[in-house]
Amino acid sequence: MNIGEVAKRSGLPSKTIRYYEEIGFITPRRSENGYRDFDEKDLHRLAFIGRARSLGFTIENCRALLELYADQSRASADVKRVAEENLREIDAKIADLQAMRATLAHLVGACAGDSRPDCPILEDLGRALG
């Protein structure tokens, strides 16, 4: 398969596929003319990584998950540990987003939104400059 077909079937952009090759996630064969030639194993690995990335796993976590997936003697506890770490990171991001939302909602509520020039939103942003 060429990169266009693999991109279509995996749902990943060609640029991402080339990056995943660069960092060693896949190693497609090269044809005589130098074009990448992907097989079903490459496609499966790309789909696996794409799904893991869509769940927020980092590149390093994806690397660990791929190794665990290939290891038939793996302990599910090792997989769970990686997933729990990712879940903690997601929870932290959610908490940060909720705090940002609360701050912005407060500022929006404090702004009259009329023709006067004074604006608590701009005042707050201006305080960041010192």
Protein backbone atom coordinates (compact mmCIF):
# COMPACT_ATOMS: atom_id res chain seq x y z
CA MET A 1 0.00 0.00 0.00
CA ASN A 2 1.18 3.52 -0.66
CA ILE A 3 1.05 6.30 1.90
CA GLY A 4 -2.16 7.76 0.47
CA GLU A 5 -4.04 4.49 0.87
CA VAL A 6 -2.68 3.93 4.37
CA ALA A 7 -3.65 7.48 5.30
CA LYS A 8 -7.17 6.93 4.05
CA ARG A 9 -7.58 3.56 5.76
CA SER A 10 -5.98 4.60 9.07
CA GLY A 11 -7.59 8.04 9.23
CA LEU A 12 -4.19 9.65 9.81
CA PRO A 13 -2.66 12.41 7.68
CA SER A 14 0.33 11.45 5.53
CA LYS A 15 2.48 13.93 7.46
CA THR A 16 1.65 12.14 10.72
CA ILE A 17 2.45 8.77 9.16
CA ARG A 18 5.84 10.06 8.01
CA TYR A 19 6.46 11.38 11.54
CA TYR A 20 5.55 8.02 13.08
CA GLU A 21 8.01 6.39 10.70
CA GLU A 22 10.68 8.93 11.68
CA ILE A 23 10.28 8.13 15.40
CA GLY A 24 10.31 4.38 14.78
CA PHE A 25 6.67 3.40 15.28
CA ILE A 26 6.58 1.80 11.85
CA THR A 27 9.23 0.72 9.36
CA PRO A 28 7.61 0.34 5.95
CA ARG A 29 9.56 -1.32 3.19
CA ARG A 30 10.88 0.83 0.36
CA SER A 31 10.22 -0.07 -3.25
CA GLU A 32 13.00 0.13 -5.86
CA ASN A 33 11.98 3.69 -6.68
CA GLY A 34 12.17 4.69 -2.98
CA TYR A 35 8.45 4.90 -2.28
CA ARG A 36 7.13 3.62 1.02
CA ASP A 37 5.35 0.27 0.79
CA PHE A 38 3.10 -0.35 3.78
CA ASP A 39 1.65 -3.71 4.78
CA GLU A 40 -1.30 -4.69 6.96
CA LYS A 41 0.93 -4.78 10.05
CA ASP A 42 1.91 -1.15 9.48
CA LEU A 43 -1.74 -0.22 8.98
CA HIS A 44 -2.73 -1.99 12.20
CA ARG A 45 0.02 -0.24 14.19
CA LEU A 46 -1.02 3.14 12.77
CA ALA A 47 -4.67 2.52 13.65
CA PHE A 48 -3.61 1.45 17.16
CA ILE A 49 -1.53 4.60 17.63
CA GLY A 50 -4.26 6.80 16.16
CA ARG A 51 -6.81 5.41 18.60
CA ALA A 52 -4.42 5.76 21.54
CA ARG A 53 -3.62 9.36 20.57
CA SER A 54 -7.35 10.11 20.29
CA LEU A 55 -7.64 9.00 23.92
CA GLY A 56 -4.92 11.45 24.92
CA PHE A 57 -1.97 9.09 25.27
CA THR A 58 1.41 10.75 24.76
CA ILE A 59 3.90 9.54 22.18
CA GLU A 60 5.94 7.88 24.94
CA ASN A 61 2.81 6.23 26.36
CA CYS A 62 1.97 4.98 22.86
CA ARG A 63 5.46 3.51 22.62
CA ALA A 64 4.94 1.72 25.95
CA LEU A 65 1.50 0.48 24.89
CA LEU A 66 2.86 -0.85 21.60
CA GLU A 67 5.54 -2.76 23.47
CA LEU A 68 2.98 -4.15 25.89
CA TYR A 69 0.65 -5.08 23.01
CA ALA A 70 3.44 -7.04 21.34
CA ASP A 71 4.45 -8.79 24.58
CA GLN A 72 2.24 -11.84 25.00
CA SER A 73 3.58 -12.35 28.54
CA ARG A 74 2.59 -8.82 29.61
CA ALA A 75 0.73 -8.19 32.83
CA SER A 76 -2.51 -6.27 32.39
CA ALA A 77 -1.46 -4.31 35.49
CA ASP A 78 1.30 -2.71 33.39
CA VAL A 79 -1.21 -1.63 30.77
CA LYS A 80 -3.55 -0.32 33.44
CA ARG A 81 -0.73 1.68 35.01
CA VAL A 82 -0.10 3.51 31.71
CA ALA A 83 -3.83 4.16 31.26
CA GLU A 84 -4.22 5.41 34.83
CA GLU A 85 -1.34 7.84 34.31
CA ASN A 86 -3.09 9.15 31.20
CA LEU A 87 -6.37 9.44 33.08
CA ARG A 88 -4.70 11.50 35.82
CA GLU A 89 -3.28 13.83 33.17
CA ILE A 90 -6.70 14.22 31.55
CA ASP A 91 -8.29 14.97 34.93
CA ALA A 92 -5.64 17.64 35.57
CA LYS A 93 -6.34 19.23 32.17
CA ILE A 94 -10.07 19.21 32.89
CA ALA A 95 -9.48 20.92 36.24
CA ASP A 96 -7.33 23.57 34.53
CA LEU A 97 -10.01 24.15 31.89
CA GLN A 98 -12.72 24.44 34.54
CA ALA A 99 -10.64 27.02 36.41
CA MET A 100 -10.09 28.99 33.19
CA ARG A 101 -13.79 28.84 32.44
CA ALA A 102 -14.74 30.04 35.92
CA THR A 103 -12.34 32.98 35.68
CA LEU A 104 -13.52 33.95 32.22
CA ALA A 105 -17.18 33.57 33.20
CA HIS A 106 -16.58 35.88 36.17
CA LEU A 107 -14.90 38.48 33.95
CA VAL A 108 -17.65 38.30 31.33
CA GLY A 109 -20.26 38.70 34.05
CA ALA A 110 -18.44 41.72 35.47
CA CYS A 111 -18.26 43.49 32.13
CA ALA A 112 -21.19 45.81 31.39
CA GLY A 113 -20.79 45.31 27.67
CA ASP A 114 -22.07 48.79 26.94
CA SER A 115 -20.63 51.92 25.29
CA ARG A 116 -18.44 52.85 28.26
CA PRO A 117 -14.67 52.28 27.81
CA ASP A 118 -14.01 50.64 31.19
CA CYS A 119 -13.84 46.88 30.92
CA PRO A 120 -12.92 44.39 33.68
CA ILE A 121 -11.79 41.85 31.07
CA LEU A 122 -9.14 44.20 29.65
CA GLU A 123 -8.17 45.35 33.14
CA ASP A 124 -7.55 41.76 34.19
CA LEU A 125 -5.55 40.98 31.06
CA GLY A 126 -3.57 44.18 31.54
CA ARG A 127 -2.56 43.16 35.04
CA ALA A 128 -0.57 40.32 33.51
CA LEU A 129 1.81 42.93 32.10
CA GLY A 130 2.50 44.31 35.53
